[in-house]
Amino acid sequence: MPRVSEFFGIVIYMYWFDQQRHHAPHLHARVAGEEAVFTLDGNCLDGDLGPRATRLIVEWCQERQAELAEAWAAAVAGKEIPWVAPLR
């Protein structure tokens, strides 16, 4: 599972061909041993990382919308998933 970004202890992953369980374009976020799934615009689909981490992920998703869309396109095509810049 490719790590696509990391900031403030939050690690972001995207999986190749990952469209079956969560049909919307999404990412997986991990922090302190917990995991949650978010749409590319920051809506939580599954899991709970707490209010601080969720707020940071939402902010990052909004900042990096175009880059996340490119990364998702690469992931579903089975190509190398590019690194997405961390939260500023």
PDB file of N, CA and C in Angstrom:
ATOM      1  N   MET A   1       0.849  -1.162   0.000  1.00  0.00           N
ATOM      2  CA  MET A   1       0.000   0.000   0.000  1.00  0.00           C
ATOM      3  C   MET A   1       0.899   1.230   0.000  1.00  0.00           C
ATOM      4  N   PRO A   2       0.849   1.991  -1.056  1.00  0.00           N
ATOM      5  CA  PRO A   2       1.733   3.147  -1.189  1.00  0.00           C
ATOM      6  C   PRO A   2       1.360   4.306  -0.259  1.00  0.00           C
ATOM      7  N   ARG A   3       2.377   4.791   0.412  1.00  0.00           N
ATOM      8  CA  ARG A   3       2.223   5.986   1.235  1.00  0.00           C
ATOM      9  C   ARG A   3       2.323   7.173   0.290  1.00  0.00           C
ATOM     10  N   VAL A   4       1.332   8.062   0.309  1.00  0.00           N
ATOM     11  CA  VAL A   4       1.328   9.175  -0.630  1.00  0.00           C
ATOM     12  C   VAL A   4       1.612  10.518   0.031  1.00  0.00           C
ATOM     13  N   SER A   5       1.534  10.576   1.378  1.00  0.00           N
ATOM     14  CA  SER A   5       1.870  11.814   2.075  1.00  0.00           C
ATOM     15  C   SER A   5       1.963  11.532   3.565  1.00  0.00           C
ATOM     16  N   GLU A   6       2.535  12.498   4.281  1.00  0.00           N
ATOM     17  CA  GLU A   6       2.654  12.390   5.729  1.00  0.00           C
ATOM     18  C   GLU A   6       2.806  13.790   6.307  1.00  0.00           C
ATOM     19  N   PHE A   7       2.034  14.082   7.361  1.00  0.00           N
ATOM     20  CA  PHE A   7       2.123  15.383   8.011  1.00  0.00           C
ATOM     21  C   PHE A   7       1.554  15.285   9.418  1.00  0.00           C
ATOM     22  N   PHE A   8       2.194  15.939  10.364  1.00  0.00           N
ATOM     23  CA  PHE A   8       1.750  16.008  11.760  1.00  0.00           C
ATOM     24  C   PHE A   8       1.413  14.634  12.341  1.00  0.00           C
ATOM     25  N   GLY A   9       2.198  13.630  11.987  1.00  0.00           N
ATOM     26  CA  GLY A   9       1.980  12.279  12.493  1.00  0.00           C
ATOM     27  C   GLY A   9       0.888  11.498  11.775  1.00  0.00           C
ATOM     28  N   ILE A  10       0.269  12.099  10.780  1.00  0.00           N
ATOM     29  CA  ILE A  10      -0.779  11.446   9.994  1.00  0.00           C
ATOM     30  C   ILE A  10      -0.142  10.893   8.721  1.00  0.00           C
ATOM     31  N   VAL A  11      -0.354   9.624   8.450  1.00  0.00           N
ATOM     32  CA  VAL A  11       0.197   8.998   7.253  1.00  0.00           C
ATOM     33  C   VAL A  11      -0.975   8.686   6.313  1.00  0.00           C
ATOM     34  N   ILE A  12      -0.821   9.089   5.060  1.00  0.00           N
ATOM     35  CA  ILE A  12      -1.864   8.926   4.054  1.00  0.00           C
ATOM     36  C   ILE A  12      -1.443   7.856   3.053  1.00  0.00           C
ATOM     37  N   TYR A  13      -2.367   6.931   2.771  1.00  0.00           N
ATOM     38  CA  TYR A  13      -2.125   5.848   1.828  1.00  0.00           C
ATOM     39  C   TYR A  13      -3.216   5.818   0.762  1.00  0.00           C
ATOM     40  N   MET A  14      -2.869   5.299  -0.394  1.00  0.00           N
ATOM     41  CA  MET A  14      -3.841   4.928  -1.419  1.00  0.00           C
ATOM     42  C   MET A  14      -3.462   3.536  -1.887  1.00  0.00           C
ATOM     43  N   TYR A  15      -4.476   2.754  -2.177  1.00  0.00           N
ATOM     44  CA  TYR A  15      -4.261   1.387  -2.654  1.00  0.00           C
ATOM     45  C   TYR A  15      -4.511   1.320  -4.155  1.00  0.00           C
ATOM     46  N   TRP A  16      -3.806   0.433  -4.818  1.00  0.00           N
ATOM     47  CA  TRP A  16      -4.057   0.205  -6.228  1.00  0.00           C
ATOM     48  C   TRP A  16      -5.389  -0.519  -6.398  1.00  0.00           C
ATOM     49  N   PHE A  17      -6.127  -0.163  -7.412  1.00  0.00           N
ATOM     50  CA  PHE A  17      -7.388  -0.829  -7.781  1.00  0.00           C
ATOM     51  C   PHE A  17      -8.392  -0.896  -6.618  1.00  0.00           C
ATOM     52  N   ASP A  18      -8.411   0.110  -5.759  1.00  0.00           N
ATOM     53  CA  ASP A  18      -9.212   0.104  -4.526  1.00  0.00           C
ATOM     54  C   ASP A  18     -10.561   0.783  -4.741  1.00  0.00           C
ATOM     55  N   GLN A  19     -11.479   0.113  -5.465  1.00  0.00           N
ATOM     56  CA  GLN A  19     -12.767   0.718  -5.769  1.00  0.00           C
ATOM     57  C   GLN A  19     -13.943  -0.139  -5.315  1.00  0.00           C
ATOM     58  N   GLN A  20     -13.698  -1.275  -4.722  1.00  0.00           N
ATOM     59  CA  GLN A  20     -14.794  -2.193  -4.453  1.00  0.00           C
ATOM     60  C   GLN A  20     -15.562  -1.858  -3.176  1.00  0.00           C
ATOM     61  N   ARG A  21     -14.896  -1.663  -2.061  1.00  0.00           N
ATOM     62  CA  ARG A  21     -15.598  -1.412  -0.802  1.00  0.00           C
ATOM     63  C   ARG A  21     -16.141   0.012  -0.721  1.00  0.00           C
ATOM     64  N   HIS A  22     -15.301   0.976  -1.041  1.00  0.00           N
ATOM     65  CA  HIS A  22     -15.696   2.386  -1.030  1.00  0.00           C
ATOM     66  C   HIS A  22     -15.702   2.836  -2.484  1.00  0.00           C
ATOM     67  N   HIS A  23     -16.851   2.998  -3.052  1.00  0.00           N
ATOM     68  CA  HIS A  23     -16.944   3.246  -4.490  1.00  0.00           C
ATOM     69  C   HIS A  23     -16.473   4.640  -4.884  1.00  0.00           C
ATOM     70  N   ALA A  24     -16.452   5.572  -3.957  1.00  0.00           N
ATOM     71  CA  ALA A  24     -15.981   6.935  -4.250  1.00  0.00           C
ATOM     72  C   ALA A  24     -14.458   6.974  -4.202  1.00  0.00           C
ATOM     73  N   PRO A  25     -13.838   7.861  -4.959  1.00  0.00           N
ATOM     74  CA  PRO A  25     -12.387   8.053  -4.825  1.00  0.00           C
ATOM     75  C   PRO A  25     -12.073   8.400  -3.363  1.00  0.00           C
ATOM     76  N   HIS A  26     -11.055   7.737  -2.797  1.00  0.00           N
ATOM     77  CA  HIS A  26     -10.790   7.916  -1.379  1.00  0.00           C
ATOM     78  C   HIS A  26      -9.330   7.651  -1.029  1.00  0.00           C
ATOM     79  N   LEU A  27      -9.008   7.928   0.222  1.00  0.00           N
ATOM     80  CA  LEU A  27      -7.680   7.682   0.760  1.00  0.00           C
ATOM     81  C   LEU A  27      -7.836   7.087   2.148  1.00  0.00           C
ATOM     82  N   HIS A  28      -6.768   6.475   2.615  1.00  0.00           N
ATOM     83  CA  HIS A  28      -6.726   5.889   3.952  1.00  0.00           C
ATOM     84  C   HIS A  28      -5.755   6.717   4.770  1.00  0.00           C
ATOM     85  N   ALA A  29      -6.172   7.098   5.980  1.00  0.00           N
ATOM     86  CA  ALA A  29      -5.326   7.887   6.865  1.00  0.00           C
ATOM     87  C   ALA A  29      -5.089   7.103   8.152  1.00  0.00           C
ATOM     88  N   ARG A  30      -3.858   7.132   8.623  1.00  0.00           N
ATOM     89  CA  ARG A  30      -3.508   6.448   9.871  1.00  0.00           C
ATOM     90  C   ARG A  30      -2.797   7.423  10.799  1.00  0.00           C
ATOM     91  N   VAL A  31      -3.160   7.319  12.059  1.00  0.00           N
ATOM     92  CA  VAL A  31      -2.475   8.096  13.097  1.00  0.00           C
ATOM     93  C   VAL A  31      -2.633   7.341  14.414  1.00  0.00           C
ATOM     94  N   ALA A  32      -1.556   7.210  15.144  1.00  0.00           N
ATOM     95  CA  ALA A  32      -1.556   6.571  16.467  1.00  0.00           C
ATOM     96  C   ALA A  32      -2.241   5.199  16.453  1.00  0.00           C
ATOM     97  N   GLY A  33      -1.985   4.406  15.418  1.00  0.00           N
ATOM     98  CA  GLY A  33      -2.527   3.059  15.344  1.00  0.00           C
ATOM     99  C   GLY A  33      -3.975   2.958  14.906  1.00  0.00           C
ATOM    100  N   GLU A  34      -4.617   4.072  14.640  1.00  0.00           N
ATOM    101  CA  GLU A  34      -6.004   4.088  14.177  1.00  0.00           C
ATOM    102  C   GLU A  34      -6.041   4.401  12.688  1.00  0.00           C
ATOM    103  N   GLU A  35      -7.095   3.954  12.007  1.00  0.00           N
ATOM    104  CA  GLU A  35      -7.228   4.205  10.572  1.00  0.00           C
ATOM    105  C   GLU A  35      -8.641   4.690  10.260  1.00  0.00           C
ATOM    106  N   ALA A  36      -8.738   5.587   9.286  1.00  0.00           N
ATOM    107  CA  ALA A  36     -10.024   6.055   8.779  1.00  0.00           C
ATOM    108  C   ALA A  36      -9.905   6.228   7.276  1.00  0.00           C
ATOM    109  N   VAL A  37     -11.043   6.218   6.607  1.00  0.00           N
ATOM    110  CA  VAL A  37     -11.103   6.374   5.156  1.00  0.00           C
ATOM    111  C   VAL A  37     -11.849   7.672   4.860  1.00  0.00           C
ATOM    112  N   PHE A  38     -11.273   8.479   3.967  1.00  0.00           N
ATOM    113  CA  PHE A  38     -11.834   9.773   3.606  1.00  0.00           C
ATOM    114  C   PHE A  38     -11.990   9.878   2.096  1.00  0.00           C
ATOM    115  N   THR A  39     -13.037  10.573   1.657  1.00  0.00           N
ATOM    116  CA  THR A  39     -13.141  10.917   0.248  1.00  0.00           C
ATOM    117  C   THR A  39     -12.060  11.951  -0.046  1.00  0.00           C
ATOM    118  N   LEU A  40     -11.808  12.211  -1.312  1.00  0.00           N
ATOM    119  CA  LEU A  40     -10.749  13.147  -1.681  1.00  0.00           C
ATOM    120  C   LEU A  40     -11.076  14.593  -1.311  1.00  0.00           C
ATOM    121  N   ASP A  41     -12.336  14.870  -0.969  1.00  0.00           N
ATOM    122  CA  ASP A  41     -12.667  16.219  -0.506  1.00  0.00           C
ATOM    123  C   ASP A  41     -12.764  16.293   1.020  1.00  0.00           C
ATOM    124  N   GLY A  42     -12.425  15.195   1.709  1.00  0.00           N
ATOM    125  CA  GLY A  42     -12.309  15.225   3.158  1.00  0.00           C
ATOM    126  C   GLY A  42     -13.470  14.676   3.959  1.00  0.00           C
ATOM    127  N   ASN A  43     -14.459  14.093   3.324  1.00  0.00           N
ATOM    128  CA  ASN A  43     -15.569  13.481   4.070  1.00  0.00           C
ATOM    129  C   ASN A  43     -15.142  12.112   4.583  1.00  0.00           C
ATOM    130  N   CYS A  44     -15.383  11.854   5.853  1.00  0.00           N
ATOM    131  CA  CYS A  44     -15.012  10.572   6.445  1.00  0.00           C
ATOM    132  C   CYS A  44     -16.036   9.512   6.055  1.00  0.00           C
ATOM    133  N   LEU A  45     -15.553   8.420   5.449  1.00  0.00           N
ATOM    134  CA  LEU A  45     -16.412   7.307   5.049  1.00  0.00           C
ATOM    135  C   LEU A  45     -16.454   6.209   6.096  1.00  0.00           C
ATOM    136  N   ASP A  46     -15.353   6.041   6.815  1.00  0.00           N
ATOM    137  CA  ASP A  46     -15.240   4.927   7.748  1.00  0.00           C
ATOM    138  C   ASP A  46     -14.142   5.235   8.751  1.00  0.00           C
ATOM    139  N   GLY A  47     -14.367   4.913  10.017  1.00  0.00           N
ATOM    140  CA  GLY A  47     -13.364   5.110  11.045  1.00  0.00           C
ATOM    141  C   GLY A  47     -13.475   6.474  11.708  1.00  0.00           C
ATOM    142  N   ASP A  48     -12.603   6.683  12.706  1.00  0.00           N
ATOM    143  CA  ASP A  48     -12.587   7.940  13.450  1.00  0.00           C
ATOM    144  C   ASP A  48     -11.183   8.180  13.960  1.00  0.00           C
ATOM    145  N   LEU A  49     -10.604   9.295  13.574  1.00  0.00           N
ATOM    146  CA  LEU A  49      -9.259   9.651  14.023  1.00  0.00           C
ATOM    147  C   LEU A  49      -9.275  10.779  15.047  1.00  0.00           C
ATOM    148  N   GLY A  50     -10.440  11.190  15.464  1.00  0.00           N
ATOM    149  CA  GLY A  50     -10.553  12.284  16.422  1.00  0.00           C
ATOM    150  C   GLY A  50     -10.648  13.616  15.709  1.00  0.00           C
ATOM    151  N   PRO A  51     -11.091  14.647  16.435  1.00  0.00           N
ATOM    152  CA  PRO A  51     -11.361  15.934  15.791  1.00  0.00           C
ATOM    153  C   PRO A  51     -10.129  16.643  15.224  1.00  0.00           C
ATOM    154  N   ARG A  52      -9.000  16.593  15.920  1.00  0.00           N
ATOM    155  CA  ARG A  52      -7.807  17.306  15.434  1.00  0.00           C
ATOM    156  C   ARG A  52      -7.312  16.703  14.122  1.00  0.00           C
ATOM    157  N   ALA A  53      -7.099  15.393  14.099  1.00  0.00           N
ATOM    158  CA  ALA A  53      -6.596  14.741  12.887  1.00  0.00           C
ATOM    159  C   ALA A  53      -7.594  14.900  11.745  1.00  0.00           C
ATOM    160  N   THR A  54      -8.873  14.755  12.039  1.00  0.00           N
ATOM    161  CA  THR A  54      -9.885  14.907  10.993  1.00  0.00           C
ATOM    162  C   THR A  54      -9.858  16.305  10.404  1.00  0.00           C
ATOM    163  N   ARG A  55      -9.753  17.313  11.254  1.00  0.00           N
ATOM    164  CA  ARG A  55      -9.680  18.705  10.777  1.00  0.00           C
ATOM    165  C   ARG A  55      -8.467  18.910   9.875  1.00  0.00           C
ATOM    166  N   LEU A  56      -7.322  18.370  10.266  1.00  0.00           N
ATOM    167  CA  LEU A  56      -6.103  18.508   9.455  1.00  0.00           C
ATOM    168  C   LEU A  56      -6.246  17.790   8.112  1.00  0.00           C
ATOM    169  N   ILE A  57      -6.847  16.625   8.112  1.00  0.00           N
ATOM    170  CA  ILE A  57      -7.043  15.878   6.867  1.00  0.00           C
ATOM    171  C   ILE A  57      -7.988  16.623   5.937  1.00  0.00           C
ATOM    172  N   VAL A  58      -9.074  17.157   6.476  1.00  0.00           N
ATOM    173  CA  VAL A  58     -10.015  17.925   5.660  1.00  0.00           C
ATOM    174  C   VAL A  58      -9.319  19.130   5.044  1.00  0.00           C
ATOM    175  N   GLU A  59      -8.537  19.851   5.844  1.00  0.00           N
ATOM    176  CA  GLU A  59      -7.808  21.021   5.336  1.00  0.00           C
ATOM    177  C   GLU A  59      -6.834  20.617   4.232  1.00  0.00           C
ATOM    178  N   TRP A  60      -6.106  19.527   4.455  1.00  0.00           N
ATOM    179  CA  TRP A  60      -5.141  19.048   3.466  1.00  0.00           C
ATOM    180  C   TRP A  60      -5.843  18.636   2.176  1.00  0.00           C
ATOM    181  N   CYS A  61      -6.960  17.916   2.292  1.00  0.00           N
ATOM    182  CA  CYS A  61      -7.712  17.498   1.101  1.00  0.00           C
ATOM    183  C   CYS A  61      -8.158  18.712   0.289  1.00  0.00           C
ATOM    184  N   GLN A  62      -8.603  19.749   0.963  1.00  0.00           N
ATOM    185  CA  GLN A  62      -9.040  20.951   0.261  1.00  0.00           C
ATOM    186  C   GLN A  62      -7.869  21.649  -0.427  1.00  0.00           C
ATOM    187  N   GLU A  63      -6.706  21.668   0.212  1.00  0.00           N
ATOM    188  CA  GLU A  63      -5.508  22.283  -0.384  1.00  0.00           C
ATOM    189  C   GLU A  63      -5.000  21.500  -1.590  1.00  0.00           C
ATOM    190  N   ARG A  64      -5.126  20.197  -1.553  1.00  0.00           N
ATOM    191  CA  ARG A  64      -4.470  19.315  -2.530  1.00  0.00           C
ATOM    192  C   ARG A  64      -5.443  18.583  -3.445  1.00  0.00           C
ATOM    193  N   GLN A  65      -6.599  19.149  -3.672  1.00  0.00           N
ATOM    194  CA  GLN A  65      -7.658  18.501  -4.445  1.00  0.00           C
ATOM    195  C   GLN A  65      -7.168  17.984  -5.804  1.00  0.00           C
ATOM    196  N   ALA A  66      -6.495  18.816  -6.575  1.00  0.00           N
ATOM    197  CA  ALA A  66      -6.037  18.405  -7.913  1.00  0.00           C
ATOM    198  C   ALA A  66      -4.995  17.299  -7.826  1.00  0.00           C
ATOM    199  N   GLU A  67      -4.062  17.411  -6.897  1.00  0.00           N
ATOM    200  CA  GLU A  67      -3.021  16.392  -6.742  1.00  0.00           C
ATOM    201  C   GLU A  67      -3.622  15.057  -6.311  1.00  0.00           C
ATOM    202  N   LEU A  68      -4.617  15.110  -5.436  1.00  0.00           N
ATOM    203  CA  LEU A  68      -5.271  13.886  -4.988  1.00  0.00           C
ATOM    204  C   LEU A  68      -6.024  13.215  -6.130  1.00  0.00           C
ATOM    205  N   ALA A  69      -6.650  14.002  -6.973  1.00  0.00           N
ATOM    206  CA  ALA A  69      -7.357  13.443  -8.131  1.00  0.00           C
ATOM    207  C   ALA A  69      -6.372  12.748  -9.069  1.00  0.00           C
ATOM    208  N   GLU A  70      -5.209  13.337  -9.277  1.00  0.00           N
ATOM    209  CA  GLU A  70      -4.180  12.707 -10.114  1.00  0.00           C
ATOM    210  C   GLU A  70      -3.681  11.410  -9.485  1.00  0.00           C
ATOM    211  N   ALA A  71      -3.464  11.437  -8.177  1.00  0.00           N
ATOM    212  CA  ALA A  71      -2.995  10.239  -7.476  1.00  0.00           C
ATOM    213  C   ALA A  71      -4.036   9.127  -7.563  1.00  0.00           C
ATOM    214  N   TRP A  72      -5.313   9.478  -7.400  1.00  0.00           N
ATOM    215  CA  TRP A  72      -6.383   8.477  -7.493  1.00  0.00           C
ATOM    216  C   TRP A  72      -6.427   7.864  -8.891  1.00  0.00           C
ATOM    217  N   ALA A  73      -6.323   8.701  -9.915  1.00  0.00           N
ATOM    218  CA  ALA A  73      -6.347   8.202 -11.294  1.00  0.00           C
ATOM    219  C   ALA A  73      -5.208   7.206 -11.518  1.00  0.00           C
ATOM    220  N   ALA A  74      -4.038   7.513 -10.993  1.00  0.00           N
ATOM    221  CA  ALA A  74      -2.905   6.596 -11.119  1.00  0.00           C
ATOM    222  C   ALA A  74      -3.181   5.297 -10.352  1.00  0.00           C
ATOM    223  N   ALA A  75      -3.748   5.408  -9.163  1.00  0.00           N
ATOM    224  CA  ALA A  75      -4.008   4.227  -8.335  1.00  0.00           C
ATOM    225  C   ALA A  75      -4.982   3.271  -9.011  1.00  0.00           C
ATOM    226  N   VAL A  76      -6.085   3.780  -9.528  1.00  0.00           N
ATOM    227  CA  VAL A  76      -7.076   2.883 -10.137  1.00  0.00           C
ATOM    228  C   VAL A  76      -6.590   2.309 -11.462  1.00  0.00           C
ATOM    229  N   ALA A  77      -5.602   2.964 -12.070  1.00  0.00           N
ATOM    230  CA  ALA A  77      -5.020   2.440 -13.301  1.00  0.00           C
ATOM    231  C   ALA A  77      -3.860   1.477 -13.019  1.00  0.00           C
ATOM    232  N   GLY A  78      -3.515   1.312 -11.743  1.00  0.00           N
ATOM    233  CA  GLY A  78      -2.431   0.412 -11.382  1.00  0.00           C
ATOM    234  C   GLY A  78      -1.054   0.976 -11.655  1.00  0.00           C
ATOM    235  N   LYS A  79      -0.969   2.298 -11.791  1.00  0.00           N
ATOM    236  CA  LYS A  79       0.312   2.957 -12.063  1.00  0.00           C
ATOM    237  C   LYS A  79       0.945   3.447 -10.763  1.00  0.00           C
ATOM    238  N   GLU A  80       2.166   3.922 -10.868  1.00  0.00           N
ATOM    239  CA  GLU A  80       2.851   4.469  -9.704  1.00  0.00           C
ATOM    240  C   GLU A  80       2.071   5.675  -9.179  1.00  0.00           C
ATOM    241  N   ILE A  81       1.798   5.672  -7.893  1.00  0.00           N
ATOM    242  CA  ILE A  81       1.019   6.738  -7.270  1.00  0.00           C
ATOM    243  C   ILE A  81       1.983   7.835  -6.818  1.00  0.00           C
ATOM    244  N   PRO A  82       1.775   9.066  -7.297  1.00  0.00           N
ATOM    245  CA  PRO A  82       2.714  10.136  -6.957  1.00  0.00           C
ATOM    246  C   PRO A  82       2.585  10.600  -5.512  1.00  0.00           C
ATOM    247  N   TRP A  83       3.661  11.154  -4.985  1.00  0.00           N
ATOM    248  CA  TRP A  83       3.677  11.767  -3.652  1.00  0.00           C
ATOM    249  C   TRP A  83       2.863  13.053  -3.714  1.00  0.00           C
ATOM    250  N   VAL A  84       2.064  13.294  -2.696  1.00  0.00           N
ATOM    251  CA  VAL A  84       1.272  14.506  -2.585  1.00  0.00           C
ATOM    252  C   VAL A  84       1.870  15.342  -1.461  1.00  0.00           C
ATOM    253  N   ALA A  85       2.158  16.598  -1.718  1.00  0.00           N
ATOM    254  CA  ALA A  85       2.803  17.470  -0.743  1.00  0.00           C
ATOM    255  C   ALA A  85       2.013  17.490   0.569  1.00  0.00           C
ATOM    256  N   PRO A  86       2.702  17.570   1.694  1.00  0.00           N
ATOM    257  CA  PRO A  86       2.002  17.588   2.985  1.00  0.00           C
ATOM    258  C   PRO A  86       1.299  18.913   3.237  1.00  0.00           C
ATOM    259  N   LEU A  87       0.548  18.946   4.312  1.00  0.00           N
ATOM    260  CA  LEU A  87      -0.168  20.156   4.715  1.00  0.00           C
ATOM    261  C   LEU A  87       0.844  21.257   5.007  1.00  0.00           C
ATOM    262  N   ARG A  88       0.541  22.447   4.507  1.00  0.00           N
ATOM    263  CA  ARG A  88       1.439  23.593   4.758  1.00  0.00           C
ATOM    264  C   ARG A  88       1.171  24.183   6.106  1.00  0.00           C
TER     265      ARG A  88
END
